[in-house]
N, C-alpha and C. Protein backbone atom coordinates (compact mmCIF):
# COMPACT_ATOMS: atom_id res chain seq x y z
N MET A 1 91.04 6.13 -12.94
CA MET A 1 90.32 6.56 -14.26
C MET A 1 88.62 6.37 -13.32
N LEU A 2 88.06 7.08 -13.56
CA LEU A 2 86.47 7.42 -13.19
C LEU A 2 85.97 7.01 -14.25
N ILE A 3 84.93 6.65 -14.22
CA ILE A 3 84.03 5.61 -15.55
C ILE A 3 82.94 7.16 -15.61
N GLN A 4 83.30 7.60 -16.95
CA GLN A 4 82.45 8.78 -17.42
C GLN A 4 80.93 8.68 -17.91
N THR A 5 79.84 9.30 -17.51
CA THR A 5 78.65 9.13 -17.95
C THR A 5 78.24 9.83 -19.01
N ARG A 6 78.23 9.06 -20.47
CA ARG A 6 78.08 9.60 -22.01
C ARG A 6 76.50 10.13 -21.62
N PRO A 7 76.50 10.87 -23.01
CA PRO A 7 75.11 11.34 -23.31
C PRO A 7 74.59 10.38 -22.98
N GLY A 8 72.86 10.29 -22.95
CA GLY A 8 72.17 9.38 -22.99
C GLY A 8 72.18 8.03 -22.03
N GLU A 9 73.22 7.55 -21.17
CA GLU A 9 73.70 6.75 -20.19
C GLU A 9 73.46 6.76 -19.24
N ALA A 10 72.21 8.07 -19.14
CA ALA A 10 72.32 8.45 -17.30
C ALA A 10 71.51 7.44 -16.78
N GLY A 11 70.67 6.48 -17.45
CA GLY A 11 69.97 5.40 -16.57
C GLY A 11 70.94 4.23 -16.59
N THR A 12 71.86 4.00 -17.48
CA THR A 12 72.98 2.92 -16.87
C THR A 12 73.45 2.83 -15.79
N SER A 13 73.53 1.58 -15.41
CA SER A 13 73.91 1.29 -13.95
C SER A 13 75.61 1.21 -13.93
N ALA A 14 76.08 1.87 -13.04
CA ALA A 14 77.89 1.61 -13.26
C ALA A 14 78.40 -0.10 -13.42
N HIS A 15 78.15 -1.34 -13.12
CA HIS A 15 78.51 -2.44 -13.59
C HIS A 15 78.46 -2.48 -14.64
N ASP A 16 77.02 -1.73 -16.02
CA ASP A 16 77.07 -1.82 -17.05
C ASP A 16 78.50 -1.29 -17.68
N ARG A 17 78.31 0.19 -17.38
CA ARG A 17 79.32 1.21 -17.67
C ARG A 17 80.80 0.76 -17.55
N LEU A 18 81.57 -0.12 -16.21
CA LEU A 18 82.49 -0.58 -16.14
C LEU A 18 82.92 -1.75 -16.95
N TYR A 19 81.61 -2.84 -17.10
CA TYR A 19 81.53 -4.14 -17.91
C TYR A 19 82.04 -3.47 -19.30
N ARG A 20 81.63 -2.22 -19.99
CA ARG A 20 81.54 -1.89 -21.68
C ARG A 20 82.95 -1.32 -21.17
N THR A 21 83.40 -0.72 -20.41
CA THR A 21 84.66 -0.15 -20.37
C THR A 21 85.86 -1.23 -20.32
N LEU A 22 85.74 -2.20 -19.35
CA LEU A 22 86.63 -3.22 -18.84
C LEU A 22 86.68 -4.02 -19.80
N ARG A 23 85.30 -4.38 -21.08
CA ARG A 23 85.23 -5.44 -22.20
C ARG A 23 86.15 -4.80 -23.58
N THR A 24 85.88 -3.23 -23.14
CA THR A 24 86.83 -2.89 -24.71
C THR A 24 88.48 -3.32 -24.32
N GLN A 25 88.68 -2.93 -22.80
CA GLN A 25 89.81 -3.07 -23.08
C GLN A 25 90.64 -4.43 -23.00
N ILE A 26 89.99 -5.11 -22.73
CA ILE A 26 90.44 -6.42 -23.26
C ILE A 26 90.64 -6.87 -24.33
N ILE A 27 89.35 -6.26 -25.38
CA ILE A 27 89.24 -6.90 -26.39
C ILE A 27 90.39 -6.13 -27.42
N HIS A 28 90.92 -4.85 -26.82
CA HIS A 28 91.67 -4.46 -27.66
C HIS A 28 93.11 -4.82 -27.47
N GLY A 29 93.56 -5.42 -26.51
CA GLY A 29 94.47 -6.30 -25.67
C GLY A 29 95.10 -5.28 -24.94
N GLU A 30 94.40 -4.09 -24.32
CA GLU A 30 95.28 -3.56 -23.31
C GLU A 30 95.42 -4.03 -22.39
N LEU A 31 95.14 -5.27 -22.06
CA LEU A 31 95.41 -6.30 -20.57
C LEU A 31 96.23 -7.28 -21.58
N THR A 32 97.65 -7.95 -20.23
CA THR A 32 98.16 -9.16 -21.28
C THR A 32 97.81 -10.05 -21.05
N PRO A 33 98.34 -11.36 -21.42
CA PRO A 33 97.96 -12.38 -20.87
C PRO A 33 98.09 -13.00 -19.53
N GLY A 34 97.30 -13.14 -18.41
CA GLY A 34 97.59 -13.97 -16.87
C GLY A 34 97.52 -12.54 -16.66
N ALA A 35 97.06 -11.20 -16.78
CA ALA A 35 97.22 -10.05 -15.80
C ALA A 35 96.30 -10.12 -14.90
N ALA A 36 96.56 -10.08 -13.60
CA ALA A 36 95.81 -9.94 -12.13
C ALA A 36 94.99 -8.93 -12.07
N LEU A 37 93.63 -8.91 -11.60
CA LEU A 37 93.09 -8.26 -11.14
C LEU A 37 92.37 -8.48 -9.72
N THR A 38 91.71 -7.37 -9.16
CA THR A 38 90.97 -7.48 -7.70
C THR A 38 89.80 -6.80 -8.19
N LEU A 39 88.97 -7.06 -7.57
CA LEU A 39 87.46 -6.08 -7.28
C LEU A 39 87.55 -5.18 -6.36
N ARG A 40 88.58 -4.87 -5.59
CA ARG A 40 89.18 -3.94 -4.87
C ARG A 40 89.71 -3.27 -5.83
N GLY A 41 90.82 -3.43 -6.71
CA GLY A 41 91.47 -2.41 -7.53
C GLY A 41 90.82 -1.86 -8.63
N LEU A 42 89.68 -2.99 -8.98
CA LEU A 42 88.82 -2.10 -10.13
C LEU A 42 88.07 -1.25 -9.32
N GLY A 43 87.41 -1.24 -8.48
CA GLY A 43 87.02 -0.19 -8.09
C GLY A 43 87.06 1.26 -7.78
N ARG A 44 88.61 0.75 -7.19
CA ARG A 44 89.56 2.03 -6.96
C ARG A 44 89.67 2.54 -8.24
N GLN A 45 90.10 2.08 -9.40
CA GLN A 45 90.72 2.39 -10.60
C GLN A 45 89.77 2.96 -11.63
N PHE A 46 88.04 2.51 -11.08
CA PHE A 46 87.06 3.12 -12.11
C PHE A 46 85.83 3.94 -11.20
N GLY A 47 86.20 4.48 -9.89
CA GLY A 47 85.71 4.95 -9.33
C GLY A 47 83.89 4.36 -8.93
N VAL A 48 84.17 3.09 -8.54
CA VAL A 48 82.87 2.41 -8.29
C VAL A 48 82.95 1.15 -7.08
N SER A 49 81.76 0.76 -6.25
CA SER A 49 81.81 0.18 -4.78
C SER A 49 82.05 -1.50 -5.83
N MET A 50 82.08 -2.03 -4.87
CA MET A 50 82.94 -3.50 -4.88
C MET A 50 81.39 -4.18 -5.47
N THR A 51 80.65 -3.94 -5.77
CA THR A 51 79.05 -4.60 -5.98
C THR A 51 79.00 -4.77 -7.67
N PRO A 52 79.02 -3.20 -8.35
CA PRO A 52 79.28 -3.23 -9.87
C PRO A 52 80.51 -4.26 -10.26
N ALA A 53 81.22 -3.92 -9.53
CA ALA A 53 82.95 -4.38 -9.67
C ALA A 53 82.67 -6.05 -10.12
N ARG A 54 82.01 -6.47 -9.09
CA ARG A 54 81.84 -7.92 -8.96
C ARG A 54 81.00 -8.44 -10.23
N GLU A 55 79.83 -7.89 -10.52
CA GLU A 55 78.89 -8.18 -11.43
C GLU A 55 79.69 -7.76 -13.14
N ALA A 56 80.23 -6.71 -12.73
CA ALA A 56 81.24 -6.47 -14.33
C ALA A 56 81.84 -8.11 -14.39
N VAL A 57 82.52 -8.45 -13.71
CA VAL A 57 83.86 -9.37 -13.72
C VAL A 57 82.79 -10.91 -13.90
N ARG A 58 81.78 -11.05 -12.93
CA ARG A 58 80.92 -12.41 -13.49
C ARG A 58 80.43 -12.15 -14.85
N ARG A 59 80.14 -10.88 -15.46
CA ARG A 59 79.36 -10.84 -17.01
C ARG A 59 80.92 -11.51 -17.71
N LEU A 60 81.93 -10.60 -17.60
CA LEU A 60 83.01 -11.07 -18.54
C LEU A 60 83.93 -12.40 -18.31
N VAL A 61 83.32 -12.85 -17.15
CA VAL A 61 83.97 -14.68 -17.36
C VAL A 61 83.03 -15.51 -17.50
N ALA A 62 81.71 -15.30 -17.72
CA ALA A 62 80.94 -15.92 -18.81
C ALA A 62 81.13 -15.78 -19.88
N GLU A 63 81.67 -14.81 -20.33
CA GLU A 63 82.30 -14.80 -22.12
C GLU A 63 83.61 -15.13 -22.29
N GLY A 64 84.22 -15.71 -21.25
CA GLY A 64 85.61 -16.36 -21.39
C GLY A 64 86.83 -15.34 -21.68
N ALA A 65 86.22 -13.79 -21.17
CA ALA A 65 87.16 -12.94 -21.57
C ALA A 65 88.03 -12.66 -19.81
N LEU A 66 87.85 -13.40 -18.84
CA LEU A 66 88.45 -13.20 -17.64
C LEU A 66 88.06 -15.08 -17.42
N THR A 67 89.05 -14.97 -16.41
CA THR A 67 88.97 -16.55 -15.80
C THR A 67 89.06 -15.90 -14.58
N LEU A 68 88.26 -17.30 -13.46
CA LEU A 68 88.06 -16.82 -12.06
C LEU A 68 88.25 -18.36 -11.39
N SER A 69 89.44 -18.34 -10.72
CA SER A 69 90.34 -19.62 -9.89
C SER A 69 89.36 -20.05 -8.89
N ALA A 70 89.42 -21.19 -8.56
CA ALA A 70 88.88 -21.74 -7.27
C ALA A 70 88.91 -21.13 -5.96
N SER A 71 90.39 -20.25 -6.15
CA SER A 71 90.93 -19.20 -5.21
C SER A 71 90.45 -17.88 -5.02
N GLY A 72 89.78 -17.79 -6.20
CA GLY A 72 89.10 -16.30 -6.23
C GLY A 72 89.88 -15.36 -7.09
N ARG A 73 91.33 -15.61 -7.39
CA ARG A 73 91.92 -14.79 -8.49
C ARG A 73 91.63 -14.80 -9.89
N ILE A 74 91.17 -13.60 -9.82
CA ILE A 74 90.93 -12.80 -11.38
C ILE A 74 91.52 -12.66 -12.36
N SER A 75 91.74 -12.98 -13.39
CA SER A 75 92.93 -12.77 -14.31
C SER A 75 92.43 -12.77 -15.73
N THR A 76 93.30 -12.38 -16.92
CA THR A 76 92.87 -12.39 -18.52
C THR A 76 93.49 -13.49 -18.45
N PRO A 77 92.78 -14.39 -19.61
CA PRO A 77 93.37 -15.63 -20.05
C PRO A 77 94.88 -15.96 -20.49
N GLU A 78 95.66 -16.82 -20.05
CA GLU A 78 96.09 -17.34 -20.84
C GLU A 78 96.22 -18.70 -21.42
N LEU A 79 95.71 -18.52 -23.00
CA LEU A 79 95.36 -19.34 -23.83
C LEU A 79 96.52 -20.78 -24.24
N SER A 80 95.88 -21.87 -24.17
CA SER A 80 96.84 -22.94 -24.27
C SER A 80 97.19 -23.06 -25.99
N ASN A 81 97.73 -24.00 -26.32
CA ASN A 81 97.89 -23.70 -27.75
C ASN A 81 96.65 -24.21 -28.39
N GLU A 82 96.08 -25.41 -27.90
CA GLU A 82 94.94 -26.14 -28.13
C GLU A 82 93.56 -24.99 -28.17
N ARG A 83 93.75 -24.46 -27.07
CA ARG A 83 92.65 -23.39 -27.10
C ARG A 83 92.57 -22.15 -28.48
N ILE A 84 94.06 -21.58 -28.41
CA ILE A 84 94.20 -20.60 -29.66
C ILE A 84 93.80 -21.37 -31.04
N GLU A 85 93.80 -22.53 -31.21
CA GLU A 85 93.88 -23.46 -32.54
C GLU A 85 92.26 -23.38 -32.60
N GLU A 86 91.66 -23.43 -31.56
CA GLU A 86 90.27 -23.49 -31.50
C GLU A 86 89.32 -22.04 -31.65
N LEU A 87 89.85 -21.38 -31.12
CA LEU A 87 89.42 -20.05 -31.55
C LEU A 87 89.62 -19.39 -32.84
N ALA A 88 90.68 -20.03 -33.33
CA ALA A 88 91.36 -19.68 -34.60
C ALA A 88 90.02 -20.63 -35.45
N ALA A 89 90.01 -21.85 -35.69
CA ALA A 89 88.93 -22.49 -36.18
C ALA A 89 87.64 -21.75 -36.15
N LEU A 90 87.26 -21.16 -34.93
CA LEU A 90 86.16 -20.97 -35.02
C LEU A 90 85.92 -19.57 -35.78
N ARG A 91 87.17 -18.43 -36.03
CA ARG A 91 87.23 -17.55 -36.83
C ARG A 91 87.39 -17.89 -38.10
N ALA A 92 87.78 -18.70 -38.67
CA ALA A 92 87.75 -19.25 -39.96
C ALA A 92 86.94 -19.73 -40.50
N LEU A 93 85.26 -20.39 -39.57
CA LEU A 93 84.30 -20.26 -39.80
C LEU A 93 83.48 -19.14 -39.75
N LEU A 94 83.29 -18.71 -38.96
CA LEU A 94 82.22 -17.72 -38.86
C LEU A 94 82.34 -16.11 -39.55
N GLU A 95 84.15 -15.69 -39.97
CA GLU A 95 84.15 -14.45 -40.27
C GLU A 95 84.27 -14.43 -41.70
N PRO A 96 84.70 -15.72 -42.96
CA PRO A 96 84.04 -15.75 -43.95
C PRO A 96 82.84 -15.66 -44.67
N GLU A 97 81.99 -16.11 -43.54
CA GLU A 97 80.58 -16.34 -43.72
C GLU A 97 79.94 -14.78 -43.85
N LEU A 98 80.41 -14.56 -42.21
CA LEU A 98 79.92 -12.90 -42.69
C LEU A 98 80.62 -12.33 -43.42
N ALA A 99 81.50 -12.40 -43.79
CA ALA A 99 81.78 -11.60 -44.98
C ALA A 99 81.12 -11.57 -46.73
N SER A 100 81.19 -13.14 -46.67
CA SER A 100 80.50 -13.40 -47.93
C SER A 100 78.63 -12.94 -47.88
N ARG A 101 78.61 -12.79 -46.63
CA ARG A 101 76.74 -12.08 -46.79
C ARG A 101 76.93 -10.54 -46.86
N ALA A 102 78.21 -9.88 -46.57
CA ALA A 102 78.22 -8.62 -46.55
C ALA A 102 78.54 -8.01 -48.19
N LEU A 103 78.95 -9.04 -49.39
CA LEU A 103 79.24 -8.98 -50.32
C LEU A 103 78.56 -8.21 -51.08
N PRO A 104 77.06 -8.54 -51.63
CA PRO A 104 75.92 -7.79 -51.96
C PRO A 104 75.81 -6.51 -51.29
N ARG A 105 76.36 -5.96 -50.39
CA ARG A 105 75.70 -4.91 -49.96
C ARG A 105 77.43 -4.12 -49.45
N ALA A 106 78.23 -4.85 -50.92
CA ALA A 106 79.70 -3.91 -50.52
C ALA A 106 79.55 -2.88 -51.99
N HIS A 107 78.97 -1.91 -51.44
CA HIS A 107 78.89 -0.97 -52.46
C HIS A 107 80.04 0.32 -52.42
N LEU A 108 80.45 0.97 -53.43
CA LEU A 108 81.80 1.68 -53.33
C LEU A 108 82.06 2.65 -52.02
N ALA A 109 80.78 3.59 -51.29
CA ALA A 109 81.28 3.70 -49.99
C ALA A 109 81.92 2.61 -48.89
N LEU A 110 81.74 2.06 -49.33
CA LEU A 110 81.94 0.69 -48.27
C LEU A 110 83.24 0.73 -48.26
N ILE A 111 83.79 0.35 -49.45
CA ILE A 111 84.71 -0.30 -49.57
C ILE A 111 85.50 0.96 -49.72
N GLU A 112 85.27 2.19 -49.96
CA GLU A 112 86.45 3.55 -49.40
C GLU A 112 86.33 3.59 -47.80
N ARG A 113 85.48 3.35 -47.17
CA ARG A 113 85.82 3.36 -45.63
C ARG A 113 86.91 2.37 -45.47
N LEU A 114 86.54 0.99 -45.74
CA LEU A 114 87.46 -0.37 -45.56
C LEU A 114 89.40 0.54 -45.68
N GLN A 115 89.40 0.90 -47.28
CA GLN A 115 90.64 1.74 -47.28
C GLN A 115 91.05 2.69 -46.52
N THR A 116 90.31 3.40 -45.90
CA THR A 116 90.47 4.69 -44.85
C THR A 116 90.79 4.18 -43.58
N ILE A 117 90.53 2.74 -43.00
CA ILE A 117 90.68 2.28 -41.78
C ILE A 117 91.79 1.65 -42.24
N ASN A 118 92.19 1.09 -43.44
CA ASN A 118 93.44 0.15 -43.38
C ASN A 118 94.67 1.19 -43.51
N ALA A 119 94.43 2.20 -44.22
CA ALA A 119 95.68 3.61 -43.94
C ALA A 119 95.62 3.47 -42.68
N SER A 120 94.90 3.88 -41.73
CA SER A 120 94.80 3.98 -40.14
C SER A 120 95.70 2.99 -39.46
N ILE A 121 95.53 1.50 -39.94
CA ILE A 121 96.52 0.65 -39.56
C ILE A 121 97.76 0.81 -39.80
N GLY A 122 98.12 1.34 -41.02
CA GLY A 122 99.38 1.74 -41.37
C GLY A 122 100.29 2.59 -40.58
N GLU A 123 99.71 3.91 -40.17
CA GLU A 123 99.93 4.66 -39.17
C GLU A 123 100.07 3.86 -38.28
N VAL A 124 99.06 3.23 -37.53
CA VAL A 124 99.23 2.41 -36.39
C VAL A 124 100.58 1.74 -36.28
N VAL A 125 100.51 1.17 -37.22
CA VAL A 125 101.62 0.08 -37.24
C VAL A 125 103.37 0.78 -37.16
N SER A 126 103.42 1.97 -37.88
CA SER A 126 104.15 2.36 -38.03
C SER A 126 105.16 3.32 -36.64
N ARG A 127 104.35 3.37 -35.64
CA ARG A 127 104.21 4.05 -34.27
C ARG A 127 104.72 2.80 -33.50
N GLY A 128 104.69 1.29 -33.96
CA GLY A 128 104.70 0.30 -32.67
C GLY A 128 103.44 0.33 -31.75
N ASP A 129 102.06 0.76 -32.39
CA ASP A 129 101.25 0.93 -31.58
C ASP A 129 100.41 -0.47 -31.34
N ALA A 130 101.03 -1.21 -30.48
CA ALA A 130 100.00 -2.76 -30.49
C ALA A 130 98.53 -2.40 -30.28
N VAL A 131 97.86 -1.59 -29.32
CA VAL A 131 96.65 -1.44 -28.73
C VAL A 131 95.68 -0.98 -29.75
N GLY A 132 96.74 0.26 -30.64
CA GLY A 132 96.00 0.81 -31.67
C GLY A 132 96.12 -0.33 -32.81
N PHE A 133 96.80 -0.79 -33.04
CA PHE A 133 97.01 -1.98 -34.21
C PHE A 133 95.65 -2.85 -33.88
N ILE A 134 95.39 -3.47 -32.86
CA ILE A 134 94.28 -4.66 -32.70
C ILE A 134 92.96 -3.37 -33.01
N ARG A 135 92.93 -2.56 -32.65
CA ARG A 135 91.65 -1.59 -32.64
C ARG A 135 91.00 -1.40 -34.08
N THR A 136 92.32 -1.04 -34.51
CA THR A 136 91.76 -0.36 -36.22
C THR A 136 91.43 -1.69 -36.63
N ASN A 137 92.41 -2.60 -36.74
CA ASN A 137 91.93 -4.15 -37.32
C ASN A 137 90.52 -4.58 -36.87
N LEU A 138 90.27 -4.63 -35.77
CA LEU A 138 88.77 -5.11 -35.65
C LEU A 138 87.78 -4.05 -36.08
N GLU A 139 88.60 -3.14 -36.50
CA GLU A 139 87.63 -1.69 -36.88
C GLU A 139 87.23 -2.32 -38.36
N PHE A 140 88.71 -2.74 -38.72
CA PHE A 140 88.20 -2.94 -40.13
C PHE A 140 87.24 -4.13 -40.40
N HIS A 141 87.27 -5.02 -39.49
CA HIS A 141 86.27 -5.93 -39.98
C HIS A 141 85.04 -5.96 -39.71
N ARG A 142 85.09 -5.64 -38.39
CA ARG A 142 83.30 -4.93 -37.94
C ARG A 142 82.74 -4.23 -38.78
N THR A 143 83.32 -3.38 -39.70
CA THR A 143 82.73 -2.76 -40.71
C THR A 143 82.52 -3.15 -41.74
N LEU A 144 82.93 -4.52 -42.44
CA LEU A 144 82.76 -5.18 -43.39
C LEU A 144 81.46 -6.14 -42.86
N TYR A 145 81.58 -6.69 -41.56
CA TYR A 145 80.69 -8.04 -41.37
C TYR A 145 79.16 -6.96 -40.95
N LEU A 146 79.29 -5.51 -40.47
CA LEU A 146 77.81 -5.15 -40.25
C LEU A 146 77.17 -5.23 -41.42
N ARG A 147 77.44 -5.32 -42.74
CA ARG A 147 76.88 -5.05 -43.74
C ARG A 147 76.07 -6.93 -44.09
N ALA A 148 76.44 -7.76 -43.44
CA ALA A 148 76.07 -9.03 -43.38
C ALA A 148 74.85 -8.81 -42.95
N GLN A 149 74.44 -7.95 -42.03
CA GLN A 149 72.85 -7.95 -41.35
C GLN A 149 72.93 -9.46 -40.87
N ALA A 150 73.53 -9.90 -40.11
CA ALA A 150 73.30 -11.11 -39.23
C ALA A 150 74.01 -11.00 -37.94
N PRO A 151 73.40 -10.19 -37.24
CA PRO A 151 73.71 -9.83 -35.65
C PRO A 151 74.26 -11.16 -34.73
N ALA A 152 73.50 -11.97 -34.86
CA ALA A 152 73.65 -13.13 -33.94
C ALA A 152 75.18 -13.57 -34.39
N MET A 153 75.23 -13.65 -35.63
CA MET A 153 76.72 -14.74 -36.00
C MET A 153 78.03 -12.98 -35.92
N LEU A 154 77.82 -12.12 -35.69
CA LEU A 154 78.50 -10.76 -35.40
C LEU A 154 79.30 -11.25 -33.51
N ALA A 155 77.52 -11.31 -32.93
CA ALA A 155 77.74 -11.19 -32.07
C ALA A 155 79.17 -12.42 -31.38
N MET A 156 78.77 -13.68 -32.13
CA MET A 156 79.64 -14.76 -31.94
C MET A 156 81.33 -14.48 -32.31
N ALA A 157 81.04 -13.59 -33.03
CA ALA A 157 82.71 -13.27 -33.91
C ALA A 157 83.51 -12.23 -32.62
N GLU A 158 82.33 -11.55 -31.76
CA GLU A 158 83.26 -10.42 -31.20
C GLU A 158 83.25 -11.33 -30.02
N THR A 159 82.37 -12.10 -29.52
CA THR A 159 83.30 -13.16 -28.29
C THR A 159 84.11 -13.76 -28.26
N VAL A 160 84.81 -14.25 -29.93
CA VAL A 160 86.03 -14.75 -30.16
C VAL A 160 86.87 -13.96 -29.81
N TRP A 161 86.50 -12.78 -30.79
CA TRP A 161 87.36 -11.53 -30.55
C TRP A 161 88.00 -11.31 -28.69
N LEU A 162 86.67 -11.14 -28.25
CA LEU A 162 87.20 -10.90 -26.75
C LEU A 162 87.83 -11.60 -25.80
N GLN A 163 88.19 -13.11 -26.34
CA GLN A 163 88.83 -14.29 -25.78
C GLN A 163 89.89 -13.98 -25.98
N LEU A 164 90.35 -13.61 -27.11
CA LEU A 164 91.63 -13.32 -27.96
C LEU A 164 92.11 -12.48 -27.75
N GLY A 165 91.90 -11.10 -27.26
CA GLY A 165 92.00 -9.82 -27.02
C GLY A 165 93.73 -10.00 -26.50
N PRO A 166 94.01 -10.53 -25.16
CA PRO A 166 95.27 -10.26 -24.13
C PRO A 166 96.23 -10.91 -25.54
N THR A 167 96.00 -12.34 -25.72
CA THR A 167 97.00 -13.14 -26.72
C THR A 167 97.29 -12.38 -28.34
N MET A 168 95.98 -11.80 -28.54
CA MET A 168 96.48 -10.60 -30.00
C MET A 168 97.46 -9.82 -29.67
N ARG A 169 97.67 -9.46 -28.20
CA ARG A 169 98.60 -8.39 -27.83
C ARG A 169 100.20 -9.06 -27.95
N ALA A 170 99.89 -10.14 -27.39
CA ALA A 170 101.30 -11.04 -27.35
C ALA A 170 101.54 -11.60 -28.74
N LEU A 171 100.57 -11.65 -29.96
CA LEU A 171 101.41 -11.69 -31.05
C LEU A 171 101.74 -10.96 -31.95
N TYR A 172 101.21 -9.89 -31.72
CA TYR A 172 101.38 -8.59 -32.22
C TYR A 172 102.86 -8.52 -32.00
N GLY A 173 103.79 -8.15 -30.83
CA GLY A 173 104.89 -8.39 -30.91
C GLY A 173 105.45 -9.34 -31.18
N ARG A 174 105.49 -10.91 -31.40
CA ARG A 174 106.14 -11.50 -32.02
C ARG A 174 106.36 -11.53 -33.63
N LEU A 175 105.06 -10.61 -34.09
CA LEU A 175 104.88 -10.76 -35.49
C LEU A 175 105.96 -9.68 -36.25
N GLY A 176 106.22 -8.69 -35.28
CA GLY A 176 106.74 -7.67 -35.68
C GLY A 176 106.41 -6.83 -36.81
N ARG A 177 105.47 -6.34 -36.47
CA ARG A 177 104.63 -5.97 -37.87
C ARG A 177 104.77 -4.48 -38.20
N THR A 178 105.56 -4.28 -39.51
CA THR A 178 105.78 -3.07 -40.18
C THR A 178 104.96 -2.40 -41.38
N GLU A 179 104.08 -2.78 -41.43
CA GLU A 179 102.73 -2.74 -42.44
C GLU A 179 101.67 -3.21 -42.01
N PRO A 180 100.13 -2.62 -43.05
CA PRO A 180 98.98 -3.43 -42.81
C PRO A 180 98.99 -5.09 -43.07
N PRO A 181 97.92 -5.64 -42.72
CA PRO A 181 97.90 -6.67 -42.85
C PRO A 181 97.97 -6.67 -44.35
N GLN A 182 98.57 -7.92 -44.98
CA GLN A 182 98.63 -8.03 -46.59
C GLN A 182 97.46 -8.54 -47.18
N HIS A 183 96.64 -9.05 -46.37
CA HIS A 183 95.72 -9.68 -46.93
C HIS A 183 94.11 -9.02 -46.92
N HIS A 184 94.23 -7.53 -46.18
CA HIS A 184 93.44 -6.51 -46.26
C HIS A 184 93.57 -6.17 -47.67
N ARG A 185 94.51 -6.31 -48.31
CA ARG A 185 94.33 -5.71 -49.66
C ARG A 185 94.04 -7.05 -50.72
N MET A 186 94.06 -8.07 -50.09
CA MET A 186 93.26 -9.10 -50.97
C MET A 186 91.87 -9.06 -50.53
N ILE A 187 91.68 -8.70 -49.48
CA ILE A 187 89.77 -8.51 -49.33
C ILE A 187 89.05 -7.59 -49.88
N LEU A 188 89.91 -6.24 -49.73
CA LEU A 188 89.50 -4.96 -50.85
C LEU A 188 89.44 -5.68 -52.22
N ALA A 189 90.54 -6.15 -52.95
CA ALA A 189 90.51 -6.63 -54.04
C ALA A 189 89.19 -7.66 -54.55
N ALA A 190 89.05 -8.34 -53.54
CA ALA A 190 87.90 -9.13 -53.90
C ALA A 190 86.28 -8.60 -53.87
N LEU A 191 86.53 -7.55 -52.69
CA LEU A 191 85.06 -7.22 -52.86
C LEU A 191 84.98 -5.81 -54.15
N ARG A 192 85.79 -5.31 -54.43
CA ARG A 192 85.55 -4.84 -56.05
C ARG A 192 85.46 -5.39 -56.69
N ALA A 193 85.95 -6.55 -56.90
CA ALA A 193 85.47 -7.54 -57.72
C ALA A 193 84.06 -8.18 -57.67
N GLY A 194 83.85 -8.51 -56.61
CA GLY A 194 82.60 -9.29 -56.31
C GLY A 194 83.08 -10.66 -56.34
N ASP A 195 83.74 -11.23 -56.28
CA ASP A 195 84.49 -12.78 -56.20
C ASP A 195 84.29 -12.79 -54.78
N GLU A 196 83.33 -13.91 -54.68
CA GLU A 196 83.37 -14.48 -53.56
C GLU A 196 83.85 -15.58 -52.73
N PRO A 197 84.52 -16.38 -53.84
CA PRO A 197 85.27 -17.18 -53.66
C PRO A 197 86.91 -16.81 -52.99
N ALA A 198 87.28 -15.60 -53.87
CA ALA A 198 88.34 -14.85 -53.31
C ALA A 198 87.93 -14.09 -51.99
N LEU A 199 87.22 -13.73 -51.67
CA LEU A 199 86.53 -12.94 -50.52
C LEU A 199 87.28 -13.82 -49.19
N ARG A 200 86.43 -14.93 -49.65
CA ARG A 200 86.24 -16.26 -48.34
C ARG A 200 87.38 -16.40 -48.39
N LEU A 201 88.72 -16.72 -49.00
CA LEU A 201 89.78 -17.49 -49.02
C LEU A 201 90.56 -15.99 -48.05
N ALA A 202 90.67 -14.98 -48.36
CA ALA A 202 91.20 -13.69 -48.13
C ALA A 202 90.89 -13.36 -46.75
N VAL A 203 89.55 -13.95 -46.70
CA VAL A 203 89.09 -13.50 -44.89
C VAL A 203 89.74 -14.41 -43.96
N ARG A 204 89.24 -15.74 -44.38
CA ARG A 204 90.21 -17.10 -43.59
C ARG A 204 91.46 -16.94 -43.29
N THR A 205 92.22 -16.69 -44.40
CA THR A 205 94.04 -16.32 -44.30
C THR A 205 93.99 -15.45 -43.31
N ASP A 206 93.85 -14.04 -43.48
CA ASP A 206 93.61 -13.41 -42.61
C ASP A 206 93.41 -13.36 -40.98
N VAL A 207 92.51 -13.86 -40.58
CA VAL A 207 92.00 -14.08 -39.41
C VAL A 207 92.71 -15.46 -38.73
N THR A 208 93.71 -16.00 -39.36
CA THR A 208 93.73 -17.78 -39.19
C THR A 208 95.45 -17.59 -39.11
N GLN A 209 96.16 -16.83 -40.11
CA GLN A 209 97.38 -17.18 -39.82
C GLN A 209 98.43 -16.75 -39.15
N GLY A 210 98.18 -16.02 -38.16
CA GLY A 210 98.80 -15.09 -37.14
C GLY A 210 98.42 -16.04 -36.14
N LEU A 211 97.44 -16.18 -35.78
CA LEU A 211 97.00 -17.30 -34.80
C LEU A 211 97.56 -18.69 -34.95
N ARG A 212 97.88 -19.00 -35.88
CA ARG A 212 98.12 -20.64 -36.02
C ARG A 212 99.71 -20.44 -35.66
N MET A 213 100.21 -19.11 -36.18
CA MET A 213 101.61 -19.38 -35.71
C MET A 213 102.22 -19.38 -34.28
N LEU A 214 101.46 -18.67 -33.67
CA LEU A 214 101.77 -18.45 -32.06
C LEU A 214 101.42 -19.80 -31.89
N ALA A 215 100.12 -20.51 -32.27
CA ALA A 215 99.95 -21.73 -31.72
C ALA A 215 101.01 -23.01 -32.27
N ALA A 216 101.91 -22.57 -32.98
CA ALA A 216 102.73 -23.59 -33.65
C ALA A 216 104.14 -23.92 -32.55
């Protein structure tokens, strides 16, 4: 897989493009927990030299998206139950607050957009597409949270999502989903009603319920 330069990216370094591509794969669960990577393999896969591969990996290790052992082994994280519980608690703190801040700007067009995304989640669930589910589920949340106009808080939430990506892939298989998350309907209803307590509760339950089952 060669990394293609998109319009406007002519001045972007090879390691930036590799970093973004690999980061997207991890956050969407394209890599499973404990998946091993090598600099040489990344270089071959993405058509870059060892130096940009090393720099991209360094950045992802700093974000907790990859782990680097004392022996130099690079892999996606295999999270302990305690770590899953910690990240679930972070989601429970950050995401209801983001949703609450978004509520005053949740106009009809936004709610309709969220409904459309939720319908897309139903389509990928019906196909058993784990990566598609994670991608569209995060799109649902990110679309709402962007209205919060709280970029630092959203960046923190996205770092948590990044660390959880491979684990969410494993969780999808355990849940055996056959329909979109039921709490999305509660989120949409709370947005329509302008009900902040109900919105906070729906978001908190949605983002933690499955993770806490995985850690049980």
